[in-house]
N, C-alpha and C. Protein backbone atom coordinates (compact mmCIF):
# COMPACT_ATOMS: atom_id res chain seq x y z
N MET A 1 0.83 -1.18 0.00
CA MET A 1 0.00 0.00 0.00
C MET A 1 0.88 1.25 0.00
N PHE A 2 0.46 2.23 -0.73
CA PHE A 2 1.15 3.50 -0.78
C PHE A 2 0.39 4.47 0.11
N SER A 3 1.11 5.40 0.68
CA SER A 3 0.47 6.46 1.42
C SER A 3 0.58 7.73 0.60
N LEU A 4 -0.50 8.46 0.51
CA LEU A 4 -0.51 9.68 -0.28
C LEU A 4 0.47 10.70 0.29
N PHE A 5 0.62 10.71 1.56
CA PHE A 5 1.61 11.56 2.21
C PHE A 5 2.48 10.62 3.03
N HIS A 6 3.77 10.82 3.04
CA HIS A 6 4.71 9.88 3.66
C HIS A 6 5.14 10.36 5.03
N PRO A 7 4.67 9.89 6.14
CA PRO A 7 3.35 9.28 6.32
C PRO A 7 2.30 10.38 6.39
N LEU A 8 1.09 9.98 6.29
CA LEU A 8 -0.01 10.95 6.31
C LEU A 8 -0.16 11.43 7.75
N ARG A 9 0.31 12.67 8.00
CA ARG A 9 0.21 13.24 9.35
C ARG A 9 -0.19 14.69 9.24
N PHE A 10 -1.45 14.87 9.17
CA PHE A 10 -1.95 16.24 9.20
C PHE A 10 -3.35 16.20 9.79
N GLY A 11 -3.70 17.25 10.43
CA GLY A 11 -5.06 17.35 10.98
C GLY A 11 -6.04 17.61 9.86
N LEU A 12 -7.07 16.83 9.80
CA LEU A 12 -8.07 17.04 8.76
C LEU A 12 -8.81 18.34 9.04
N MET A 13 -8.97 19.11 7.99
CA MET A 13 -9.62 20.41 8.11
C MET A 13 -11.12 20.23 8.34
N THR A 14 -11.71 21.16 9.08
CA THR A 14 -13.17 21.14 9.23
C THR A 14 -13.77 21.56 7.91
N VAL A 15 -14.69 20.77 7.45
CA VAL A 15 -15.28 21.04 6.14
C VAL A 15 -16.66 21.65 6.33
N LEU A 16 -16.88 22.78 5.69
CA LEU A 16 -18.18 23.42 5.77
C LEU A 16 -19.16 22.85 4.76
N LEU A 17 -18.61 22.12 3.76
CA LEU A 17 -19.47 21.51 2.77
C LEU A 17 -20.12 20.27 3.35
N MET A 18 -21.41 20.31 3.53
CA MET A 18 -22.15 19.15 4.03
C MET A 18 -22.84 18.49 2.86
N VAL A 19 -22.50 17.22 2.62
CA VAL A 19 -23.07 16.50 1.49
C VAL A 19 -23.78 15.27 2.02
N SER A 20 -25.00 15.10 1.59
CA SER A 20 -25.72 13.89 1.93
C SER A 20 -25.57 12.91 0.78
N ALA A 21 -24.90 11.79 1.02
CA ALA A 21 -24.67 10.81 -0.04
C ALA A 21 -25.97 10.10 -0.42
N ALA A 22 -26.90 9.99 0.49
CA ALA A 22 -28.15 9.29 0.19
C ALA A 22 -28.98 10.13 -0.76
N GLY A 23 -29.33 9.53 -1.88
CA GLY A 23 -30.17 10.21 -2.85
C GLY A 23 -29.50 11.35 -3.58
N MET A 24 -28.19 11.38 -3.55
CA MET A 24 -27.44 12.46 -4.18
C MET A 24 -27.52 12.37 -5.70
N THR A 25 -27.79 13.47 -6.34
CA THR A 25 -27.70 13.53 -7.79
C THR A 25 -26.52 14.41 -8.13
N VAL A 26 -25.95 14.18 -9.29
CA VAL A 26 -24.77 14.94 -9.67
C VAL A 26 -25.20 16.28 -10.25
N ASP A 27 -24.86 17.32 -9.57
CA ASP A 27 -25.15 18.69 -9.98
C ASP A 27 -23.83 19.44 -9.95
N GLN A 28 -23.34 19.83 -11.11
CA GLN A 28 -22.05 20.51 -11.20
C GLN A 28 -21.97 21.70 -10.25
N HIS A 29 -23.09 22.36 -9.97
CA HIS A 29 -23.08 23.53 -9.10
C HIS A 29 -22.87 23.16 -7.64
N ASN A 30 -23.20 21.92 -7.27
CA ASN A 30 -23.05 21.50 -5.89
C ASN A 30 -21.76 20.73 -5.63
N LEU A 31 -21.02 20.40 -6.69
CA LEU A 31 -19.77 19.68 -6.50
C LEU A 31 -18.66 20.66 -6.12
N PRO A 32 -17.72 20.19 -5.31
CA PRO A 32 -16.55 21.04 -5.04
C PRO A 32 -15.81 21.33 -6.36
N GLN A 33 -15.17 22.46 -6.44
CA GLN A 33 -14.48 22.86 -7.67
C GLN A 33 -13.46 21.81 -8.12
N TYR A 34 -12.80 21.16 -7.16
CA TYR A 34 -11.78 20.17 -7.52
C TYR A 34 -12.38 18.90 -8.14
N SER A 35 -13.69 18.75 -8.13
CA SER A 35 -14.34 17.58 -8.73
C SER A 35 -14.81 17.82 -10.16
N ILE A 36 -14.74 19.05 -10.62
CA ILE A 36 -15.38 19.42 -11.88
C ILE A 36 -14.47 19.31 -13.09
N SER A 37 -13.24 19.79 -12.99
CA SER A 37 -12.39 19.83 -14.18
C SER A 37 -10.92 19.67 -13.81
N TYR A 38 -10.12 19.40 -14.83
CA TYR A 38 -8.67 19.37 -14.67
C TYR A 38 -8.20 20.80 -14.76
N ASP A 39 -7.65 21.32 -13.68
CA ASP A 39 -7.27 22.73 -13.62
C ASP A 39 -5.79 22.81 -13.24
N ALA A 40 -4.97 23.26 -14.17
CA ALA A 40 -3.52 23.34 -13.96
C ALA A 40 -3.15 24.27 -12.82
N SER A 41 -4.01 25.19 -12.45
CA SER A 41 -3.69 26.16 -11.40
C SER A 41 -3.99 25.66 -9.99
N ARG A 42 -4.68 24.52 -9.88
CA ARG A 42 -5.06 24.01 -8.56
C ARG A 42 -3.89 23.32 -7.88
N ASP A 43 -3.88 23.35 -6.55
CA ASP A 43 -2.86 22.68 -5.73
C ASP A 43 -3.40 21.31 -5.32
N PRO A 44 -2.87 20.22 -5.87
CA PRO A 44 -3.42 18.91 -5.54
C PRO A 44 -3.25 18.52 -4.08
N TYR A 45 -2.24 19.05 -3.41
CA TYR A 45 -2.06 18.74 -1.98
C TYR A 45 -3.18 19.38 -1.15
N ALA A 46 -3.46 20.66 -1.38
CA ALA A 46 -4.54 21.33 -0.66
C ALA A 46 -5.89 20.70 -1.00
N ASP A 47 -6.11 20.41 -2.29
CA ASP A 47 -7.37 19.77 -2.69
C ASP A 47 -7.52 18.40 -2.06
N THR A 48 -6.43 17.65 -1.97
CA THR A 48 -6.49 16.32 -1.35
C THR A 48 -6.87 16.42 0.12
N LYS A 49 -6.29 17.36 0.83
CA LYS A 49 -6.64 17.54 2.25
C LYS A 49 -8.12 17.83 2.41
N THR A 50 -8.64 18.73 1.59
CA THR A 50 -10.05 19.09 1.66
C THR A 50 -10.93 17.91 1.26
N ALA A 51 -10.56 17.22 0.19
CA ALA A 51 -11.34 16.07 -0.28
C ALA A 51 -11.32 14.93 0.73
N LEU A 52 -10.18 14.70 1.38
CA LEU A 52 -10.12 13.64 2.41
C LEU A 52 -10.99 13.98 3.62
N ALA A 53 -11.02 15.26 3.98
CA ALA A 53 -11.90 15.66 5.09
C ALA A 53 -13.35 15.40 4.73
N LEU A 54 -13.74 15.71 3.51
CA LEU A 54 -15.10 15.46 3.06
C LEU A 54 -15.37 13.95 2.99
N ALA A 55 -14.40 13.18 2.53
CA ALA A 55 -14.56 11.72 2.47
C ALA A 55 -14.79 11.16 3.87
N LYS A 56 -14.02 11.63 4.82
CA LYS A 56 -14.18 11.16 6.21
C LYS A 56 -15.55 11.58 6.75
N GLU A 57 -15.92 12.82 6.52
CA GLU A 57 -17.19 13.36 7.01
C GLU A 57 -18.40 12.61 6.44
N THR A 58 -18.29 12.20 5.19
CA THR A 58 -19.43 11.57 4.51
C THR A 58 -19.29 10.06 4.36
N ASP A 59 -18.27 9.49 5.00
CA ASP A 59 -18.05 8.04 4.99
C ASP A 59 -17.91 7.49 3.57
N ARG A 60 -17.06 8.17 2.79
CA ARG A 60 -16.77 7.72 1.43
C ARG A 60 -15.27 7.57 1.26
N LYS A 61 -14.89 6.93 0.19
CA LYS A 61 -13.50 6.86 -0.20
C LYS A 61 -13.22 8.02 -1.16
N LEU A 62 -11.93 8.25 -1.41
CA LEU A 62 -11.52 9.28 -2.35
C LEU A 62 -11.15 8.61 -3.66
N LEU A 63 -11.65 9.14 -4.77
CA LEU A 63 -11.26 8.70 -6.10
C LEU A 63 -10.51 9.85 -6.74
N ILE A 64 -9.22 9.64 -6.98
CA ILE A 64 -8.41 10.65 -7.64
C ILE A 64 -8.39 10.30 -9.12
N GLU A 65 -8.89 11.20 -9.94
CA GLU A 65 -8.91 11.01 -11.39
C GLU A 65 -7.85 11.93 -11.99
N VAL A 66 -6.84 11.31 -12.60
CA VAL A 66 -5.71 12.05 -13.15
C VAL A 66 -5.84 12.12 -14.67
N GLY A 67 -5.68 13.31 -15.21
CA GLY A 67 -5.77 13.48 -16.65
C GLY A 67 -5.58 14.94 -17.00
N GLY A 68 -6.11 15.35 -18.13
CA GLY A 68 -5.99 16.74 -18.54
C GLY A 68 -6.89 17.06 -19.71
N ASN A 69 -6.99 18.34 -19.97
CA ASN A 69 -7.84 18.79 -21.08
C ASN A 69 -7.29 18.37 -22.44
N TRP A 70 -6.03 18.03 -22.50
CA TRP A 70 -5.38 17.56 -23.73
C TRP A 70 -5.77 16.12 -24.05
N CYS A 71 -6.32 15.40 -23.09
CA CYS A 71 -6.54 13.95 -23.15
C CYS A 71 -7.90 13.63 -23.78
N SER A 72 -7.88 13.02 -24.98
CA SER A 72 -9.14 12.73 -25.66
C SER A 72 -10.00 11.75 -24.86
N TRP A 73 -9.40 10.74 -24.22
CA TRP A 73 -10.19 9.78 -23.44
C TRP A 73 -10.75 10.41 -22.18
N CYS A 74 -10.11 11.47 -21.67
CA CYS A 74 -10.67 12.21 -20.53
C CYS A 74 -11.98 12.87 -20.94
N HIS A 75 -12.02 13.42 -22.15
CA HIS A 75 -13.25 14.02 -22.67
C HIS A 75 -14.31 12.95 -22.92
N VAL A 76 -13.89 11.79 -23.42
CA VAL A 76 -14.83 10.69 -23.64
C VAL A 76 -15.43 10.25 -22.31
N LEU A 77 -14.60 10.16 -21.26
CA LEU A 77 -15.09 9.78 -19.94
C LEU A 77 -16.08 10.83 -19.41
N ALA A 78 -15.76 12.10 -19.56
CA ALA A 78 -16.66 13.17 -19.10
C ALA A 78 -18.01 13.09 -19.81
N ARG A 79 -17.99 12.86 -21.13
CA ARG A 79 -19.25 12.72 -21.88
C ARG A 79 -20.02 11.48 -21.43
N PHE A 80 -19.29 10.38 -21.21
CA PHE A 80 -19.93 9.14 -20.76
C PHE A 80 -20.67 9.38 -19.44
N LEU A 81 -20.01 10.02 -18.49
CA LEU A 81 -20.65 10.27 -17.19
C LEU A 81 -21.80 11.25 -17.33
N SER A 82 -21.67 12.23 -18.22
CA SER A 82 -22.76 13.16 -18.47
C SER A 82 -23.97 12.45 -19.08
N ASP A 83 -23.71 11.50 -19.96
CA ASP A 83 -24.79 10.77 -20.63
C ASP A 83 -25.36 9.63 -19.79
N HIS A 84 -24.66 9.23 -18.74
CA HIS A 84 -25.10 8.11 -17.88
C HIS A 84 -25.21 8.61 -16.44
N GLU A 85 -26.26 9.39 -16.19
CA GLU A 85 -26.47 10.01 -14.88
C GLU A 85 -26.47 8.98 -13.75
N ASN A 86 -26.99 7.78 -14.02
CA ASN A 86 -27.01 6.75 -12.98
C ASN A 86 -25.60 6.35 -12.58
N VAL A 87 -24.68 6.28 -13.52
CA VAL A 87 -23.29 5.94 -13.21
C VAL A 87 -22.64 7.11 -12.46
N ALA A 88 -22.85 8.32 -12.95
CA ALA A 88 -22.26 9.50 -12.30
C ALA A 88 -22.77 9.65 -10.87
N SER A 89 -24.06 9.45 -10.66
CA SER A 89 -24.63 9.56 -9.31
C SER A 89 -24.03 8.52 -8.37
N ARG A 90 -23.96 7.29 -8.85
CA ARG A 90 -23.39 6.22 -8.02
C ARG A 90 -21.91 6.48 -7.74
N LEU A 91 -21.20 7.01 -8.71
CA LEU A 91 -19.78 7.33 -8.52
C LEU A 91 -19.62 8.34 -7.40
N HIS A 92 -20.43 9.40 -7.42
CA HIS A 92 -20.33 10.45 -6.40
C HIS A 92 -20.95 10.03 -5.06
N GLU A 93 -21.83 9.07 -5.05
CA GLU A 93 -22.34 8.52 -3.79
C GLU A 93 -21.27 7.69 -3.09
N THR A 94 -20.45 7.02 -3.87
CA THR A 94 -19.44 6.11 -3.35
C THR A 94 -18.12 6.81 -3.05
N PHE A 95 -17.77 7.80 -3.84
CA PHE A 95 -16.47 8.47 -3.74
C PHE A 95 -16.61 9.98 -3.68
N VAL A 96 -15.64 10.61 -3.05
CA VAL A 96 -15.38 12.02 -3.26
C VAL A 96 -14.42 12.02 -4.44
N VAL A 97 -14.78 12.70 -5.50
CA VAL A 97 -13.96 12.70 -6.72
C VAL A 97 -13.07 13.93 -6.73
N LEU A 98 -11.79 13.69 -6.94
CA LEU A 98 -10.79 14.74 -7.04
C LEU A 98 -10.09 14.61 -8.39
N LYS A 99 -10.21 15.62 -9.23
CA LYS A 99 -9.53 15.61 -10.52
C LYS A 99 -8.19 16.33 -10.37
N VAL A 100 -7.14 15.67 -10.84
CA VAL A 100 -5.80 16.24 -10.77
C VAL A 100 -5.26 16.37 -12.19
N ASN A 101 -4.85 17.57 -12.53
CA ASN A 101 -4.31 17.88 -13.85
C ASN A 101 -2.88 17.36 -13.99
N VAL A 102 -2.61 16.74 -15.14
CA VAL A 102 -1.23 16.48 -15.58
C VAL A 102 -1.16 16.98 -17.02
N SER A 103 -0.32 17.97 -17.24
CA SER A 103 -0.21 18.57 -18.58
C SER A 103 1.13 19.27 -18.69
N GLU A 104 1.41 19.81 -19.87
CA GLU A 104 2.62 20.60 -20.04
C GLU A 104 2.60 21.83 -19.15
N ALA A 105 1.42 22.40 -18.94
CA ALA A 105 1.30 23.59 -18.10
C ALA A 105 1.62 23.29 -16.64
N ASN A 106 1.28 22.09 -16.19
CA ASN A 106 1.56 21.67 -14.82
C ASN A 106 1.46 20.16 -14.75
N ASP A 107 2.59 19.50 -14.66
CA ASP A 107 2.59 18.04 -14.63
C ASP A 107 2.37 17.48 -13.23
N ASN A 108 2.34 18.35 -12.22
CA ASN A 108 2.16 17.93 -10.83
C ASN A 108 3.05 16.73 -10.49
N ALA A 109 4.29 16.78 -10.96
CA ALA A 109 5.23 15.66 -10.82
C ALA A 109 5.46 15.27 -9.36
N ARG A 110 5.60 16.24 -8.48
CA ARG A 110 5.85 15.94 -7.07
C ARG A 110 4.67 15.18 -6.47
N PHE A 111 3.46 15.61 -6.78
CA PHE A 111 2.26 14.94 -6.30
C PHE A 111 2.16 13.54 -6.90
N MET A 112 2.36 13.44 -8.21
CA MET A 112 2.24 12.16 -8.90
C MET A 112 3.28 11.15 -8.39
N ALA A 113 4.42 11.62 -7.91
CA ALA A 113 5.45 10.73 -7.37
C ALA A 113 4.99 10.03 -6.09
N THR A 114 3.95 10.53 -5.45
CA THR A 114 3.43 9.90 -4.24
C THR A 114 2.47 8.75 -4.55
N LEU A 115 2.15 8.58 -5.84
CA LEU A 115 1.18 7.57 -6.28
C LEU A 115 1.88 6.51 -7.13
N PRO A 116 1.28 5.33 -7.23
CA PRO A 116 1.82 4.35 -8.18
C PRO A 116 1.78 4.95 -9.59
N PRO A 117 2.63 4.48 -10.49
CA PRO A 117 2.65 5.03 -11.85
C PRO A 117 1.29 4.89 -12.55
N ALA A 118 0.92 5.94 -13.26
CA ALA A 118 -0.31 5.90 -14.06
C ALA A 118 -0.03 5.12 -15.33
N ARG A 119 -0.98 4.29 -15.72
CA ARG A 119 -0.84 3.49 -16.94
C ARG A 119 -1.85 4.01 -17.96
N GLY A 120 -1.61 5.20 -18.44
CA GLY A 120 -2.52 5.83 -19.38
C GLY A 120 -3.41 6.83 -18.67
N TYR A 121 -4.10 7.63 -19.47
CA TYR A 121 -4.99 8.67 -18.93
C TYR A 121 -6.35 8.59 -19.60
N PRO A 122 -7.41 8.85 -18.88
CA PRO A 122 -7.43 9.16 -17.46
C PRO A 122 -7.09 7.92 -16.64
N HIS A 123 -6.53 8.16 -15.47
CA HIS A 123 -6.16 7.08 -14.55
C HIS A 123 -6.80 7.40 -13.20
N MET A 124 -7.24 6.37 -12.50
CA MET A 124 -7.92 6.57 -11.22
C MET A 124 -7.16 5.88 -10.09
N TYR A 125 -7.18 6.52 -8.94
CA TYR A 125 -6.65 5.94 -7.71
C TYR A 125 -7.74 5.99 -6.67
N ILE A 126 -7.88 4.93 -5.90
CA ILE A 126 -8.83 4.89 -4.80
C ILE A 126 -8.03 4.95 -3.51
N THR A 127 -8.41 5.86 -2.61
CA THR A 127 -7.78 5.91 -1.29
C THR A 127 -8.87 5.76 -0.23
N ASP A 128 -8.45 5.33 0.95
CA ASP A 128 -9.37 5.37 2.07
C ASP A 128 -9.44 6.82 2.54
N SER A 129 -10.24 7.08 3.55
CA SER A 129 -10.44 8.47 3.99
C SER A 129 -9.25 9.05 4.73
N SER A 130 -8.21 8.24 4.95
CA SER A 130 -6.99 8.78 5.55
C SER A 130 -5.90 8.99 4.50
N GLY A 131 -6.18 8.67 3.24
CA GLY A 131 -5.24 8.94 2.17
C GLY A 131 -4.38 7.76 1.74
N VAL A 132 -4.58 6.59 2.30
CA VAL A 132 -3.81 5.42 1.90
C VAL A 132 -4.36 4.89 0.58
N VAL A 133 -3.50 4.77 -0.43
CA VAL A 133 -3.92 4.29 -1.73
C VAL A 133 -4.25 2.80 -1.64
N LEU A 134 -5.50 2.48 -1.99
CA LEU A 134 -5.98 1.10 -1.95
C LEU A 134 -5.92 0.44 -3.32
N HIS A 135 -5.99 1.26 -4.38
CA HIS A 135 -6.10 0.68 -5.71
C HIS A 135 -5.71 1.70 -6.77
N SER A 136 -5.07 1.20 -7.83
CA SER A 136 -4.72 2.00 -9.00
C SER A 136 -5.47 1.40 -10.17
N GLN A 137 -6.28 2.23 -10.87
CA GLN A 137 -7.19 1.71 -11.90
C GLN A 137 -6.92 2.34 -13.27
N ASN A 138 -6.57 1.52 -14.22
CA ASN A 138 -6.47 1.95 -15.61
C ASN A 138 -7.89 2.00 -16.17
N THR A 139 -8.35 3.16 -16.59
CA THR A 139 -9.73 3.27 -17.07
C THR A 139 -9.94 2.57 -18.40
N GLY A 140 -8.88 2.20 -19.08
CA GLY A 140 -9.02 1.42 -20.30
C GLY A 140 -9.70 0.09 -20.05
N GLN A 141 -9.66 -0.38 -18.82
CA GLN A 141 -10.32 -1.64 -18.47
C GLN A 141 -11.84 -1.50 -18.43
N PHE A 142 -12.35 -0.27 -18.52
CA PHE A 142 -13.80 -0.04 -18.55
C PHE A 142 -14.33 0.06 -19.98
N ILE A 143 -13.45 -0.11 -20.96
CA ILE A 143 -13.83 0.08 -22.36
C ILE A 143 -14.23 -1.24 -23.00
N GLU A 144 -15.38 -1.20 -23.66
CA GLU A 144 -15.86 -2.32 -24.47
C GLU A 144 -16.32 -1.74 -25.80
N ASN A 145 -15.92 -2.36 -26.90
CA ASN A 145 -16.33 -1.90 -28.23
C ASN A 145 -16.02 -0.42 -28.44
N SER A 146 -14.85 -0.01 -28.04
CA SER A 146 -14.34 1.35 -28.25
C SER A 146 -15.10 2.43 -27.49
N GLU A 147 -15.81 2.07 -26.43
CA GLU A 147 -16.46 3.08 -25.59
C GLU A 147 -16.53 2.57 -24.15
N TYR A 148 -16.73 3.51 -23.22
CA TYR A 148 -16.84 3.11 -21.83
C TYR A 148 -18.11 2.31 -21.63
N SER A 149 -18.02 1.29 -20.78
CA SER A 149 -19.12 0.37 -20.53
C SER A 149 -19.81 0.71 -19.21
N GLU A 150 -21.12 0.93 -19.30
CA GLU A 150 -21.90 1.18 -18.09
C GLU A 150 -21.79 -0.01 -17.14
N GLN A 151 -21.85 -1.21 -17.67
CA GLN A 151 -21.78 -2.42 -16.86
C GLN A 151 -20.43 -2.53 -16.14
N GLN A 152 -19.34 -2.23 -16.84
CA GLN A 152 -18.01 -2.29 -16.22
C GLN A 152 -17.87 -1.24 -15.11
N PHE A 153 -18.35 -0.03 -15.37
CA PHE A 153 -18.28 1.01 -14.35
C PHE A 153 -19.12 0.65 -13.13
N MET A 154 -20.33 0.15 -13.36
CA MET A 154 -21.20 -0.20 -12.23
C MET A 154 -20.59 -1.33 -11.40
N ALA A 155 -19.96 -2.30 -12.04
CA ALA A 155 -19.31 -3.39 -11.31
C ALA A 155 -18.17 -2.84 -10.45
N PHE A 156 -17.40 -1.91 -11.00
CA PHE A 156 -16.32 -1.26 -10.27
C PHE A 156 -16.87 -0.51 -9.05
N ILE A 157 -17.91 0.28 -9.27
CA ILE A 157 -18.52 1.04 -8.17
C ILE A 157 -19.12 0.11 -7.14
N ASP A 158 -19.83 -0.93 -7.58
CA ASP A 158 -20.42 -1.90 -6.65
C ASP A 158 -19.34 -2.52 -5.77
N TYR A 159 -18.22 -2.89 -6.37
CA TYR A 159 -17.14 -3.49 -5.60
C TYR A 159 -16.66 -2.54 -4.52
N TRP A 160 -16.36 -1.31 -4.88
CA TRP A 160 -15.81 -0.37 -3.90
C TRP A 160 -16.85 0.10 -2.89
N GLN A 161 -18.10 0.09 -3.30
CA GLN A 161 -19.15 0.46 -2.34
C GLN A 161 -19.27 -0.62 -1.26
N SER A 162 -18.97 -1.86 -1.62
CA SER A 162 -19.07 -2.96 -0.66
C SER A 162 -17.88 -3.06 0.27
N GLN A 163 -16.82 -2.33 -0.03
CA GLN A 163 -15.61 -2.36 0.80
C GLN A 163 -15.71 -1.33 1.90
N GLY A 164 -15.55 -1.75 3.11
CA GLY A 164 -15.58 -0.81 4.24
C GLY A 164 -14.36 0.10 4.22
N ASP A 165 -14.44 1.21 4.90
CA ASP A 165 -13.32 2.14 4.95
C ASP A 165 -12.41 1.78 6.10
C-alpha cells in the first residue's frame, strides 16, 4: 500500500461543505471545484486535504482522477458520465472525486510521485479516507467496443461500495 503523504500526518480540516450521499444527484453547481475539471492552477495537496476531510465526514473513499484537457479519453469519460447520470450519481455517492491535472502547463510531478505510476490517462486511484492508496485503476479496463461500458463502471462502483473504509 502507498500512502498519499509519507506518512499521512496532518489534521483534517473542518469542512463546511455538508453532502448527503443518500439520494445524491450529480449537480455541477453542488460539486466542489476540484471535482469538476482538470485545472492546472489548482494545488493537488490542498485539494487532497479538503477532499479527504469530506470523504471522512461523509463516509466515502476518495477517487483521484488524473488526466488533462489535452486527453481525448478524458473528454470521452466526461461525456460518458454526463450521458449516464445513474453511473455518475453512483460514482459520487461512493467516492469524493478529485480531478488532478497532468499537462505541459503543470505536470504535478511531485504529487504524482506519491502515487503508483499511471498506466494511461485518465487514470484513477482509490484511497481510504486517511489517504492510503488502496487501488490503482487503468480506465481502459472499462472500455468495451471502443467506448466506456456502463456495466463495467457499475461493477467497479459496486465493488468499492461494498468495501468498508
